[in-house]
PDB file of N, CA and C in Angstrom:
ATOM      1  N   MET A   1       0.793  -1.462  -0.113  1.00  0.00           N
ATOM      2  CA  MET A   1       0.164  -0.046   0.076  1.00  0.00           C
ATOM      3  C   MET A   1       0.599   1.155   0.015  1.00  0.00           C
ATOM      4  N   PRO A   2       0.455   2.536  -0.353  1.00  0.00           N
ATOM      5  CA  PRO A   2       1.415   3.384  -0.492  1.00  0.00           C
ATOM      6  C   PRO A   2       0.968   4.121   0.911  1.00  0.00           C
ATOM      7  N   GLU A   3       2.359   5.068   0.982  1.00  0.00           N
ATOM      8  CA  GLU A   3       2.761   5.739   2.197  1.00  0.00           C
ATOM      9  C   GLU A   3       1.411   6.862   1.942  1.00  0.00           C
ATOM     10  N   GLN A   4       1.467   7.507   3.236  1.00  0.00           N
ATOM     11  CA  GLN A   4       0.381   8.204   3.291  1.00  0.00           C
ATOM     12  C   GLN A   4       0.911   9.599   4.711  1.00  0.00           C
ATOM     13  N   ARG A   5       0.320  10.471   4.046  1.00  0.00           N
ATOM     14  CA  ARG A   5       0.559  12.006   4.756  1.00  0.00           C
ATOM     15  C   ARG A   5      -0.615  12.126   5.765  1.00  0.00           C
ATOM     16  N   ARG A   6      -0.496  12.231   7.617  1.00  0.00           N
ATOM     17  CA  ARG A   6      -1.749  11.864   8.238  1.00  0.00           C
ATOM     18  C   ARG A   6      -1.220  13.395   9.023  1.00  0.00           C
ATOM     19  N   GLU A   7      -2.320  14.483   9.042  1.00  0.00           N
ATOM     20  CA  GLU A   7      -1.737  15.664  10.168  1.00  0.00           C
ATOM     21  C   GLU A   7      -2.757  15.071  11.367  1.00  0.00           C
ATOM     22  N   PRO A   8      -1.233  15.582  12.138  1.00  0.00           N
ATOM     23  CA  PRO A   8      -1.950  14.901  13.415  1.00  0.00           C
ATOM     24  C   PRO A   8      -3.020  15.307  14.377  1.00  0.00           C
ATOM     25  N   ARG A   9      -3.797  14.468  15.598  1.00  0.00           N
ATOM     26  CA  ARG A   9      -4.843  14.661  15.552  1.00  0.00           C
ATOM     27  C   ARG A   9      -4.838  15.600  16.526  1.00  0.00           C
ATOM     28  N   ARG A  10      -6.005  16.215  16.231  1.00  0.00           N
ATOM     29  CA  ARG A  10      -5.980  17.437  17.498  1.00  0.00           C
ATOM     30  C   ARG A  10      -6.503  16.738  18.920  1.00  0.00           C
ATOM     31  N   GLY A  11      -6.622  17.380  20.266  1.00  0.00           N
ATOM     32  CA  GLY A  11      -7.364  16.945  21.571  1.00  0.00           C
ATOM     33  C   GLY A  11      -6.323  15.981  21.772  1.00  0.00           C
ATOM     34  N   GLY A  12      -5.552  14.918  21.194  1.00  0.00           N
ATOM     35  CA  GLY A  12      -4.880  13.742  21.746  1.00  0.00           C
ATOM     36  C   GLY A  12      -3.462  13.967  22.487  1.00  0.00           C
ATOM     37  N   SER A  13      -3.108  13.059  23.235  1.00  0.00           N
ATOM     38  CA  SER A  13      -1.702  12.998  24.185  1.00  0.00           C
ATOM     39  C   SER A  13      -0.678  12.419  23.474  1.00  0.00           C
ATOM     40  N   ARG A  14      -1.289  11.610  22.313  1.00  0.00           N
ATOM     41  CA  ARG A  14      -0.412  11.077  21.270  1.00  0.00           C
ATOM     42  C   ARG A  14       0.667  11.520  20.054  1.00  0.00           C
ATOM     43  N   ALA A  15       0.025  12.934  19.581  1.00  0.00           N
ATOM     44  CA  ALA A  15       0.504  13.952  18.941  1.00  0.00           C
ATOM     45  C   ALA A  15       0.846  14.960  19.237  1.00  0.00           C
ATOM     46  N   PRO A  16       1.877  15.994  19.205  1.00  0.00           N
ATOM     47  CA  PRO A  16       2.129  17.306  18.967  1.00  0.00           C
ATOM     48  C   PRO A  16       0.294  18.228  18.679  1.00  0.00           C
ATOM     49  N   ALA A  17       0.472  19.437  19.189  1.00  0.00           N
ATOM     50  CA  ALA A  17      -0.526  20.449  18.970  1.00  0.00           C
ATOM     51  C   ALA A  17       0.005  20.317  17.233  1.00  0.00           C
ATOM     52  N   ARG A  18      -1.469  20.902  16.892  1.00  0.00           N
ATOM     53  CA  ARG A  18      -1.520  21.433  15.270  1.00  0.00           C
ATOM     54  C   ARG A  18      -0.739  22.793  15.476  1.00  0.00           C
ATOM     55  N   GLY A  19       0.018  22.563  14.405  1.00  0.00           N
ATOM     56  CA  GLY A  19       0.467  23.639  13.989  1.00  0.00           C
ATOM     57  C   GLY A  19       2.107  23.552  14.817  1.00  0.00           C
ATOM     58  N   ALA A  20       2.325  22.695  15.681  1.00  0.00           N
ATOM     59  CA  ALA A  20       3.769  22.341  15.923  1.00  0.00           C
ATOM     60  C   ALA A  20       4.653  21.964  15.445  1.00  0.00           C
ATOM     61  N   LEU A  21       4.229  21.106  14.008  1.00  0.00           N
ATOM     62  CA  LEU A  21       5.181  20.598  13.390  1.00  0.00           C
ATOM     63  C   LEU A  21       5.008  21.040  11.496  1.00  0.00           C
ATOM     64  N   LYS A  22       6.206  21.301  11.613  1.00  0.00           N
ATOM     65  CA  LYS A  22       6.272  22.180  10.020  1.00  0.00           C
ATOM     66  C   LYS A  22       5.948  20.965   8.785  1.00  0.00           C
ATOM     67  N   SER A  23       5.874  19.825   8.713  1.00  0.00           N
ATOM     68  CA  SER A  23       4.696  19.141   7.617  1.00  0.00           C
ATOM     69  C   SER A  23       4.479  17.751   8.533  1.00  0.00           C
ATOM     70  N   PRO A  24       3.038  17.214   7.617  1.00  0.00           N
ATOM     71  CA  PRO A  24       2.851  16.243   8.328  1.00  0.00           C
ATOM     72  C   PRO A  24       3.603  14.802   8.819  1.00  0.00           C
ATOM     73  N   ILE A  25       3.366  14.420   9.369  1.00  0.00           N
ATOM     74  CA  ILE A  25       3.674  12.754  10.179  1.00  0.00           C
ATOM     75  C   ILE A  25       4.175  11.707   9.025  1.00  0.00           C
ATOM     76  N   LYS A  26       4.991  11.014   8.170  1.00  0.00           N
ATOM     77  CA  LYS A  26       4.379  10.054   7.510  1.00  0.00           C
ATOM     78  C   LYS A  26       4.329   9.452   8.014  1.00  0.00           C
ATOM     79  N   VAL A  27       3.007   8.294   7.534  1.00  0.00           N
ATOM     80  CA  VAL A  27       2.741   6.862   8.160  1.00  0.00           C
ATOM     81  C   VAL A  27       3.680   5.933   6.782  1.00  0.00           C
ATOM     82  N   SER A  28       3.262   4.818   7.154  1.00  0.00           N
ATOM     83  CA  SER A  28       3.290   3.419   6.150  1.00  0.00           C
ATOM     84  C   SER A  28       2.331   2.440   6.408  1.00  0.00           C
ATOM     85  N   TRP A  29       1.648   1.520   5.279  1.00  0.00           N
ATOM     86  CA  TRP A  29       0.876   0.891   6.109  1.00  0.00           C
ATOM     87  C   TRP A  29       1.660  -0.564   5.491  1.00  0.00           C
ATOM     88  N   ARG A  30       3.157  -0.519   5.016  1.00  0.00           N
ATOM     89  CA  ARG A  30       4.042  -1.547   4.387  1.00  0.00           C
ATOM     90  C   ARG A  30       4.028  -2.781   5.695  1.00  0.00           C
ATOM     91  N   LEU A  31       3.960  -2.683   7.079  1.00  0.00           N
ATOM     92  CA  LEU A  31       3.767  -4.000   7.571  1.00  0.00           C
ATOM     93  C   LEU A  31       2.087  -4.977   7.401  1.00  0.00           C
ATOM     94  N   VAL A  32       1.305  -3.995   6.774  1.00  0.00           N
ATOM     95  CA  VAL A  32       0.253  -4.787   6.588  1.00  0.00           C
ATOM     96  C   VAL A  32       0.331  -6.384   5.619  1.00  0.00           C
ATOM     97  N   GLN A  33       1.302  -5.752   5.397  1.00  0.00           N
ATOM     98  CA  GLN A  33       1.296  -6.898   3.737  1.00  0.00           C
ATOM     99  C   GLN A  33       1.583  -7.967   4.561  1.00  0.00           C
ATOM    100  N   GLU A  34       2.452  -8.434   6.083  1.00  0.00           N
ATOM    101  CA  GLU A  34       2.778  -9.291   6.272  1.00  0.00           C
ATOM    102  C   GLU A  34       1.620 -10.010   7.398  1.00  0.00           C
ATOM    103  N   GLN A  35       0.636  -9.277   7.252  1.00  0.00           N
ATOM    104  CA  GLN A  35      -0.408  -9.755   7.729  1.00  0.00           C
ATOM    105  C   GLN A  35      -1.217 -11.094   6.912  1.00  0.00           C
ATOM    106  N   PRO A  36      -1.620 -12.393   7.368  1.00  0.00           N
ATOM    107  CA  PRO A  36      -2.674 -12.754   6.660  1.00  0.00           C
ATOM    108  C   PRO A  36      -3.954 -11.742   6.301  1.00  0.00           C
ATOM    109  N   VAL A  37      -4.329 -12.245   5.280  1.00  0.00           N
ATOM    110  CA  VAL A  37      -5.794 -12.054   4.727  1.00  0.00           C
ATOM    111  C   VAL A  37      -6.421 -13.070   5.201  1.00  0.00           C
ATOM    112  N   SER A  38      -7.853 -12.652   5.901  1.00  0.00           N
ATOM    113  CA  SER A  38      -8.671 -13.687   6.176  1.00  0.00           C
ATOM    114  C   SER A  38     -10.281 -13.272   6.214  1.00  0.00           C
ATOM    115  N   PRO A  39     -11.105 -14.212   5.594  1.00  0.00           N
ATOM    116  CA  PRO A  39     -12.437 -13.821   5.137  1.00  0.00           C
ATOM    117  C   PRO A  39     -13.414 -13.997   6.474  1.00  0.00           C
ATOM    118  N   VAL A  40     -14.325 -12.885   6.416  1.00  0.00           N
ATOM    119  CA  VAL A  40     -15.544 -12.706   7.504  1.00  0.00           C
ATOM    120  C   VAL A  40     -16.829 -12.703   6.951  1.00  0.00           C
ATOM    121  N   ASN A  41     -17.641 -13.231   7.482  1.00  0.00           N
ATOM    122  CA  ASN A  41     -18.991 -13.170   6.914  1.00  0.00           C
ATOM    123  C   ASN A  41     -20.030 -13.330   8.098  1.00  0.00           C
ATOM    124  N   ILE A  42     -19.137 -12.689   9.139  1.00  0.00           N
ATOM    125  CA  ILE A  42     -20.566 -12.221  10.413  1.00  0.00           C
ATOM    126  C   ILE A  42     -19.739 -11.313  11.468  1.00  0.00           C
ATOM    127  N   PHE A  43     -20.747 -10.351  11.967  1.00  0.00           N
ATOM    128  CA  PHE A  43     -20.884  -9.685  12.273  1.00  0.00           C
ATOM    129  C   PHE A  43     -21.405  -9.602  13.736  1.00  0.00           C
ATOM    130  N   GLN A  44     -20.838  -8.297  14.595  1.00  0.00           N
ATOM    131  CA  GLN A  44     -21.609  -8.388  16.191  1.00  0.00           C
ATOM    132  C   GLN A  44     -20.866  -6.971  16.812  1.00  0.00           C
ATOM    133  N   VAL A  45     -22.326  -6.203  16.769  1.00  0.00           N
ATOM    134  CA  VAL A  45     -21.572  -4.979  17.479  1.00  0.00           C
ATOM    135  C   VAL A  45     -21.746  -4.290  18.759  1.00  0.00           C
ATOM    136  N   GLY A  46     -20.677  -4.072  19.859  1.00  0.00           N
ATOM    137  CA  GLY A  46     -21.307  -3.899  20.810  1.00  0.00           C
ATOM    138  C   GLY A  46     -20.523  -2.461  21.713  1.00  0.00           C
ATOM    139  N   ALA A  47     -20.669  -2.110  22.969  1.00  0.00           N
ATOM    140  CA  ALA A  47     -20.471  -0.413  22.953  1.00  0.00           C
ATOM    141  C   ALA A  47     -19.692  -0.627  24.433  1.00  0.00           C
ATOM    142  N   VAL A  48     -18.594  -0.462  24.952  1.00  0.00           N
ATOM    143  CA  VAL A  48     -17.838  -0.173  25.909  1.00  0.00           C
ATOM    144  C   VAL A  48     -18.350   0.714  26.509  1.00  0.00           C
ATOM    145  N   SER A  49     -18.852   0.986  27.920  1.00  0.00           N
ATOM    146  CA  SER A  49     -19.076   1.981  28.606  1.00  0.00           C
ATOM    147  C   SER A  49     -17.997   2.653  29.423  1.00  0.00           C
ATOM    148  N   ARG A  50     -18.265   4.286  29.647  1.00  0.00           N
ATOM    149  CA  ARG A  50     -16.850   4.859  30.540  1.00  0.00           C
ATOM    150  C   ARG A  50     -17.616   4.197  31.967  1.00  0.00           C
ATOM    151  N   PRO A  51     -16.869   4.737  32.895  1.00  0.00           N
ATOM    152  CA  PRO A  51     -16.905   4.430  33.867  1.00  0.00           C
ATOM    153  C   PRO A  51     -17.897   5.627  34.642  1.00  0.00           C
ATOM    154  N   ASP A  52     -18.253   6.533  34.147  1.00  0.00           N
ATOM    155  CA  ASP A  52     -19.857   7.276  34.171  1.00  0.00           C
ATOM    156  C   ASP A  52     -21.312   6.564  33.853  1.00  0.00           C
ATOM    157  N   GLY A  53     -20.415   4.893  32.970  1.00  0.00           N
ATOM    158  CA  GLY A  53     -21.999   4.502  32.566  1.00  0.00           C
ATOM    159  C   GLY A  53     -22.209   5.215  30.648  1.00  0.00           C
ATOM    160  N   VAL A  54     -21.974   6.201  30.928  1.00  0.00           N
ATOM    161  CA  VAL A  54     -22.229   6.758  29.419  1.00  0.00           C
ATOM    162  C   VAL A  54     -21.455   5.609  28.423  1.00  0.00           C
ATOM    163  N   PRO A  55     -21.864   5.359  27.238  1.00  0.00           N
ATOM    164  CA  PRO A  55     -20.863   4.665  26.019  1.00  0.00           C
ATOM    165  C   PRO A  55     -19.814   5.774  25.656  1.00  0.00           C
ATOM    166  N   GLY A  56     -18.904   4.631  25.840  1.00  0.00           N
ATOM    167  CA  GLY A  56     -17.433   5.101  25.397  1.00  0.00           C
ATOM    168  C   GLY A  56     -17.037   5.038  24.150  1.00  0.00           C
ATOM    169  N   GLU A  57     -16.624   3.923  23.763  1.00  0.00           N
ATOM    170  CA  GLU A  57     -16.386   2.990  22.591  1.00  0.00           C
ATOM    171  C   GLU A  57     -17.131   2.243  21.709  1.00  0.00           C
ATOM    172  N   VAL A  58     -17.159   1.739  20.340  1.00  0.00           N
ATOM    173  CA  VAL A  58     -17.961   1.056  20.050  1.00  0.00           C
ATOM    174  C   VAL A  58     -16.892  -0.300  19.500  1.00  0.00           C
ATOM    175  N   VAL A  59     -17.504  -1.503  20.142  1.00  0.00           N
ATOM    176  CA  VAL A  59     -16.617  -2.817  20.071  1.00  0.00           C
ATOM    177  C   VAL A  59     -16.999  -3.496  18.671  1.00  0.00           C
ATOM    178  N   LEU A  60     -16.105  -3.617  17.403  1.00  0.00           N
ATOM    179  CA  LEU A  60     -16.593  -4.247  16.687  1.00  0.00           C
ATOM    180  C   LEU A  60     -16.061  -5.813  16.558  1.00  0.00           C
ATOM    181  N   ASN A  61     -16.561  -6.709  16.125  1.00  0.00           N
ATOM    182  CA  ASN A  61     -16.353  -8.218  16.096  1.00  0.00           C
ATOM    183  C   ASN A  61     -16.474  -8.467  14.974  1.00  0.00           C
ATOM    184  N   LEU A  62     -15.631  -9.504  14.490  1.00  0.00           N
ATOM    185  CA  LEU A  62     -15.568  -9.889  12.900  1.00  0.00           C
ATOM    186  C   LEU A  62     -15.034 -11.211  13.452  1.00  0.00           C
ATOM    187  N   GLY A  63     -16.152 -12.332  12.605  1.00  0.00           N
ATOM    188  CA  GLY A  63     -16.079 -13.646  12.641  1.00  0.00           C
ATOM    189  C   GLY A  63     -16.087 -14.416  11.170  1.00  0.00           C
ATOM    190  N   PHE A  64     -15.536 -15.445  11.505  1.00  0.00           N
ATOM    191  CA  PHE A  64     -16.002 -16.486  10.246  1.00  0.00           C
ATOM    192  C   PHE A  64     -17.274 -17.659  10.166  1.00  0.00           C
ATOM    193  N   LEU A  65     -17.914 -17.694   9.735  1.00  0.00           N
ATOM    194  CA  LEU A  65     -18.962 -18.656  10.606  1.00  0.00           C
ATOM    195  C   LEU A  65     -19.076 -19.845   9.372  1.00  0.00           C
ATOM    196  N   PRO A  66     -18.584 -20.899   9.514  1.00  0.00           N
ATOM    197  CA  PRO A  66     -18.603 -21.844   8.406  1.00  0.00           C
ATOM    198  C   PRO A  66     -19.960 -23.023   7.797  1.00  0.00           C
ATOM    199  N   PRO A  67     -19.460 -23.328   7.183  1.00  0.00           N
ATOM    200  CA  PRO A  67     -20.587 -23.870   6.628  1.00  0.00           C
ATOM    201  C   PRO A  67     -21.024 -24.971   7.951  1.00  0.00           C
ATOM    202  N   ALA A  68     -22.310 -25.235   8.024  1.00  0.00           N
ATOM    203  CA  ALA A  68     -22.691 -26.817   8.633  1.00  0.00           C
ATOM    204  C   ALA A  68     -21.794 -27.728   8.320  1.00  0.00           C
ATOM    205  N   PRO A  69     -21.201 -28.665   9.251  1.00  0.00           N
ATOM    206  CA  PRO A  69     -20.892 -29.956   9.097  1.00  0.00           C
ATOM    207  C   PRO A  69     -21.654 -31.386   8.710  1.00  0.00           C
ATOM    208  N   VAL A  70     -22.427 -30.945   7.589  1.00  0.00           N
ATOM    209  CA  VAL A  70     -23.760 -32.126   7.525  1.00  0.00           C
ATOM    210  C   VAL A  70     -23.279 -32.317   6.191  1.00  0.00           C
ATOM    211  N   PHE A  71     -23.330 -33.930   5.721  1.00  0.00           N
ATOM    212  CA  PHE A  71     -23.180 -34.296   4.381  1.00  0.00           C
ATOM    213  C   PHE A  71     -24.231 -35.478   3.804  1.00  0.00           C
ATOM    214  N   GLY A  72     -24.241 -35.775   2.942  1.00  0.00           N
ATOM    215  CA  GLY A  72     -25.092 -36.811   1.979  1.00  0.00           C
ATOM    216  C   GLY A  72     -26.197 -36.762   1.602  1.00  0.00           C
ATOM    217  N   THR A  73     -26.905 -36.893   1.365  1.00  0.00           N
ATOM    218  CA  THR A  73     -28.430 -36.744   1.247  1.00  0.00           C
ATOM    219  C   THR A  73     -29.189 -35.804   1.600  1.00  0.00           C
ATOM    220  N   ALA A  74     -30.052 -35.230   0.967  1.00  0.00           N
ATOM    221  CA  ALA A  74     -30.523 -33.979   1.321  1.00  0.00           C
ATOM    222  C   ALA A  74     -31.043 -34.504   2.899  1.00  0.00           C
ATOM    223  N   GLU A  75     -31.753 -35.663   2.780  1.00  0.00           N
ATOM    224  CA  GLU A  75     -32.657 -36.059   4.118  1.00  0.00           C
ATOM    225  C   GLU A  75     -31.347 -36.471   5.142  1.00  0.00           C
ATOM    226  N   GLU A  76     -30.198 -37.121   5.012  1.00  0.00           N
ATOM    227  CA  GLU A  76     -29.217 -36.818   5.867  1.00  0.00           C
ATOM    228  C   GLU A  76     -28.793 -35.960   6.799  1.00  0.00           C
ATOM    229  N   GLN A  77     -28.979 -34.742   5.493  1.00  0.00           N
ATOM    230  CA  GLN A  77     -27.863 -33.155   5.662  1.00  0.00           C
ATOM    231  C   GLN A  77     -29.241 -32.903   6.567  1.00  0.00           C
ATOM    232  N   LEU A  78     -30.286 -32.609   6.805  1.00  0.00           N
ATOM    233  CA  LEU A  78     -31.796 -32.508   7.190  1.00  0.00           C
ATOM    234  C   LEU A  78     -31.596 -33.039   8.732  1.00  0.00           C
ATOM    235  N   ARG A  79     -31.423 -34.117   8.890  1.00  0.00           N
ATOM    236  CA  ARG A  79     -31.409 -35.091   9.931  1.00  0.00           C
ATOM    237  C   ARG A  79     -30.195 -34.834  10.998  1.00  0.00           C
ATOM    238  N   MET A  80     -28.670 -34.423  10.168  1.00  0.00           N
ATOM    239  CA  MET A  80     -28.060 -34.054  11.046  1.00  0.00           C
ATOM    240  C   MET A  80     -27.769 -32.463  11.613  1.00  0.00           C
ATOM    241  N   ALA A  81     -28.436 -31.555  10.948  1.00  0.00           N
ATOM    242  CA  ALA A  81     -28.469 -30.434  10.921  1.00  0.00           C
ATOM    243  C   ALA A  81     -29.557 -30.378  12.100  1.00  0.00           C
ATOM    244  N   GLU A  82     -30.500 -30.714  11.923  1.00  0.00           N
ATOM    245  CA  GLU A  82     -31.418 -31.100  13.465  1.00  0.00           C
ATOM    246  C   GLU A  82     -30.555 -31.181  15.192  1.00  0.00           C
ATOM    247  N   GLN A  83     -29.745 -31.710  13.837  1.00  0.00           N
ATOM    248  CA  GLN A  83     -28.737 -32.736  15.251  1.00  0.00           C
ATOM    249  C   GLN A  83     -27.708 -31.512  16.285  1.00  0.00           C
ATOM    250  N   LEU A  84     -27.599 -30.785  15.450  1.00  0.00           N
ATOM    251  CA  LEU A  84     -26.137 -30.167  15.832  1.00  0.00           C
ATOM    252  C   LEU A  84     -26.572 -29.090  17.240  1.00  0.00           C
ATOM    253  N   ASP A  85     -26.417 -28.960  18.065  1.00  0.00           N
ATOM    254  CA  ASP A  85     -26.177 -27.959  19.158  1.00  0.00           C
ATOM    255  C   ASP A  85     -26.224 -26.419  18.888  1.00  0.00           C
ATOM    256  N   ALA A  86     -24.590 -26.276  18.579  1.00  0.00           N
ATOM    257  CA  ALA A  86     -24.253 -25.103  17.673  1.00  0.00           C
ATOM    258  C   ALA A  86     -23.459 -25.192  16.631  1.00  0.00           C
ATOM    259  N   ILE A  87     -23.019 -23.991  15.976  1.00  0.00           N
ATOM    260  CA  ILE A  87     -21.498 -24.097  15.066  1.00  0.00           C
ATOM    261  C   ILE A  87     -20.730 -22.392  15.360  1.00  0.00           C
ATOM    262  N   GLU A  88     -19.676 -23.241  15.848  1.00  0.00           N
ATOM    263  CA  GLU A  88     -18.719 -21.959  16.275  1.00  0.00           C
ATOM    264  C   GLU A  88     -18.424 -21.491  15.469  1.00  0.00           C
ATOM    265  N   ILE A  89     -18.542 -19.992  15.767  1.00  0.00           N
ATOM    266  CA  ILE A  89     -18.011 -18.800  14.951  1.00  0.00           C
ATOM    267  C   ILE A  89     -16.379 -18.846  15.137  1.00  0.00           C
ATOM    268  N   GLN A  90     -15.973 -18.404  13.898  1.00  0.00           N
ATOM    269  CA  GLN A  90     -14.516 -18.272  14.449  1.00  0.00           C
ATOM    270  C   GLN A  90     -13.913 -17.064  14.111  1.00  0.00           C
ATOM    271  N   PRO A  91     -13.353 -16.291  15.130  1.00  0.00           N
ATOM    272  CA  PRO A  91     -12.687 -14.743  15.677  1.00  0.00           C
ATOM    273  C   PRO A  91     -11.835 -14.707  14.867  1.00  0.00           C
ATOM    274  N   VAL A  92     -12.156 -13.782  13.983  1.00  0.00           N
ATOM    275  CA  VAL A  92     -11.163 -13.001  12.918  1.00  0.00           C
ATOM    276  C   VAL A  92      -9.936 -11.790  13.866  1.00  0.00           C
ATOM    277  N   ALA A  93     -11.264 -11.192  14.494  1.00  0.00           N
ATOM    278  CA  ALA A  93     -10.803  -9.816  14.792  1.00  0.00           C
ATOM    279  C   ALA A  93     -11.506  -9.440  15.778  1.00  0.00           C
ATOM    280  N   ARG A  94     -11.271  -9.014  16.917  1.00  0.00           N
ATOM    281  CA  ARG A  94     -12.006  -7.580  18.083  1.00  0.00           C
ATOM    282  C   ARG A  94     -11.499  -6.621  17.770  1.00  0.00           C
ATOM    283  N   ILE A  95     -12.429  -5.153  17.812  1.00  0.00           N
ATOM    284  CA  ILE A  95     -11.499  -4.505  17.935  1.00  0.00           C
ATOM    285  C   ILE A  95     -12.430  -3.278  18.274  1.00  0.00           C
ATOM    286  N   THR A  96     -12.043  -2.174  19.136  1.00  0.00           N
ATOM    287  CA  THR A  96     -12.557  -0.623  19.170  1.00  0.00           C
ATOM    288  C   THR A  96     -12.704   0.428  18.676  1.00  0.00           C
ATOM    289  N   ALA A  97     -13.411   1.259  18.664  1.00  0.00           N
ATOM    290  CA  ALA A  97     -13.119   2.396  17.919  1.00  0.00           C
ATOM    291  C   ALA A  97     -14.418   3.761  18.305  1.00  0.00           C
ATOM    292  N   SER A  98     -13.953   4.525  18.261  1.00  0.00           N
ATOM    293  CA  SER A  98     -14.702   6.006  18.441  1.00  0.00           C
ATOM    294  C   SER A  98     -15.718   5.839  17.672  1.00  0.00           C
ATOM    295  N   ARG A  99     -16.477   6.884  18.228  1.00  0.00           N
ATOM    296  CA  ARG A  99     -17.350   6.829  17.032  1.00  0.00           C
ATOM    297  C   ARG A  99     -17.210   7.837  15.708  1.00  0.00           C
ATOM    298  N   ALA A 100     -16.582   8.650  16.138  1.00  0.00           N
ATOM    299  CA  ALA A 100     -15.578   9.382  15.221  1.00  0.00           C
ATOM    300  C   ALA A 100     -15.047   8.942  14.179  1.00  0.00           C
ATOM    301  N   ARG A 101     -14.283   8.158  14.716  1.00  0.00           N
ATOM    302  CA  ARG A 101     -13.407   6.645  14.108  1.00  0.00           C
ATOM    303  C   ARG A 101     -14.456   5.803  12.984  1.00  0.00           C
ATOM    304  N   LEU A 102     -15.778   5.457  13.868  1.00  0.00           N
ATOM    305  CA  LEU A 102     -16.268   4.385  12.636  1.00  0.00           C
ATOM    306  C   LEU A 102     -16.964   5.472  11.840  1.00  0.00           C
ATOM    307  N   GLU A 103     -17.118   6.409  12.171  1.00  0.00           N
ATOM    308  CA  GLU A 103     -17.538   7.351  10.466  1.00  0.00           C
ATOM    309  C   GLU A 103     -16.674   7.370  10.086  1.00  0.00           C
ATOM    310  N   GLU A 104     -15.509   7.670  10.151  1.00  0.00           N
ATOM    311  CA  GLU A 104     -14.864   7.630   9.297  1.00  0.00           C
ATOM    312  C   GLU A 104     -14.345   6.497   8.136  1.00  0.00           C
ATOM    313  N   LEU A 105     -14.509   5.159   9.060  1.00  0.00           N
ATOM    314  CA  LEU A 105     -14.629   3.866   8.239  1.00  0.00           C
ATOM    315  C   LEU A 105     -15.674   4.242   7.382  1.00  0.00           C
ATOM    316  N   ARG A 106     -16.700   4.026   7.533  1.00  0.00           N
ATOM    317  CA  ARG A 106     -18.271   3.839   6.910  1.00  0.00           C
ATOM    318  C   ARG A 106     -17.786   4.838   6.000  1.00  0.00           C
ATOM    319  N   GLN A 107     -17.547   5.933   6.105  1.00  0.00           N
ATOM    320  CA  GLN A 107     -16.921   6.924   4.579  1.00  0.00           C
ATOM    321  C   GLN A 107     -16.124   6.273   3.519  1.00  0.00           C
ATOM    322  N   LEU A 108     -15.036   5.498   4.452  1.00  0.00           N
ATOM    323  CA  LEU A 108     -14.139   4.561   3.464  1.00  0.00           C
ATOM    324  C   LEU A 108     -14.434   3.709   2.674  1.00  0.00           C
ATOM    325  N   ILE A 109     -15.613   2.427   3.961  1.00  0.00           N
ATOM    326  CA  ILE A 109     -15.959   1.605   3.317  1.00  0.00           C
ATOM    327  C   ILE A 109     -17.083   1.736   1.779  1.00  0.00           C
ATOM    328  N   ALA A 110     -17.742   3.212   2.295  1.00  0.00           N
ATOM    329  CA  ALA A 110     -19.132   3.683   1.135  1.00  0.00           C
ATOM    330  C   ALA A 110     -18.409   4.028  -0.355  1.00  0.00           C
ATOM    331  N   GLN A 111     -16.973   4.607   0.070  1.00  0.00           N
ATOM    332  CA  GLN A 111     -16.323   4.763  -1.115  1.00  0.00           C
ATOM    333  C   GLN A 111     -15.555   3.954  -1.701  1.00  0.00           C
ATOM    334  N   ALA A 112     -15.428   2.472  -1.078  1.00  0.00           N
ATOM    335  CA  ALA A 112     -14.706   1.283  -1.760  1.00  0.00           C
ATOM    336  C   ALA A 112     -15.916   0.833  -2.474  1.00  0.00           C
ATOM    337  N   LEU A 113     -17.287   0.295  -2.086  1.00  0.00           N
ATOM    338  CA  LEU A 113     -17.967  -0.060  -2.506  1.00  0.00           C
ATOM    339  C   LEU A 113     -18.903   0.835  -3.734  1.00  0.00           C
ATOM    340  N   GLU A 114     -19.021   2.161  -3.853  1.00  0.00           N
ATOM    341  CA  GLU A 114     -19.105   2.899  -4.906  1.00  0.00           C
ATOM    342  C   GLU A 114     -18.138   2.585  -6.038  1.00  0.00           C
ATOM    343  N   ALA A 115     -16.821   2.819  -5.470  1.00  0.00           N
ATOM    344  CA  ALA A 115     -15.633   2.252  -7.024  1.00  0.00           C
ATOM    345  C   ALA A 115     -16.039   0.635  -7.523  1.00  0.00           C
ATOM    346  N   LEU A 116     -16.391  -0.193  -6.358  1.00  0.00           N
ATOM    347  CA  LEU A 116     -16.198  -1.374  -7.198  1.00  0.00           C
ATOM    348  C   LEU A 116     -17.934  -1.527  -7.974  1.00  0.00           C
ATOM    349  N   GLY A 117     -18.605  -0.587  -7.864  1.00  0.00           N
ATOM    350  CA  GLY A 117     -19.648  -0.674  -9.313  1.00  0.00           C
ATOM    351  C   GLY A 117     -20.737  -1.942  -8.644  1.00  0.00           C
ATOM    352  N   GLY A 118     -20.917  -2.385  -9.556  1.00  0.00           N
ATOM    353  CA  GLY A 118     -21.974  -3.641  -9.861  1.00  0.00           C
ATOM    354  C   GLY A 118     -21.125  -4.800  -8.928  1.00  0.00           C
ATOM    355  N   LEU A 119     -20.179  -4.750  -9.207  1.00  0.00           N
ATOM    356  CA  LEU A 119     -19.661  -6.212  -8.247  1.00  0.00           C
ATOM    357  C   LEU A 119     -19.914  -6.491  -7.261  1.00  0.00           C
ATOM    358  N   ASP A 120     -20.359  -8.632  -7.211  1.00  0.00           N
ATOM    359  CA  ASP A 120     -20.922  -8.818  -5.960  1.00  0.00           C
ATOM    360  C   ASP A 120     -20.070  -9.911  -5.272  1.00  0.00           C
TER     361      ASP A 120
END
C-alpha cells in the first residue's frame, strides 16, 4: 500500500498540537502486507461504557461462520443439521473505535463500494 501523510490528531496526547510540526508525519502501511488476509462473513457490534456509565467506544467483532458440518443426501443433511447444538464462529478480529473513527470507516467503506460498482 502507498505511504500516506497524516496531520496530527487534535486533542490527543499522542501527537503534537496542530501547528507544532512543519510538515505532516509520514505513515506507512508496509507492515500490513505481512498479515494474513482472513475472510469474514459475520459481524457483532457492542459498546464499552466509560466509568460514568456513558457509552464510550464501539466494539466490533469480526468472525467467520463456517458451513454446517453436514453431508450425504438431503434427508441425511437435514437430520444432521437438526442434531447440531451450535456452530462455533471463528473469531478473526475484535476492535474498538470511537464514533468519529467509525464514521471515517463508514465513509471509506462507502467509497470502496461505490468504486466497485455492481461487483458482487
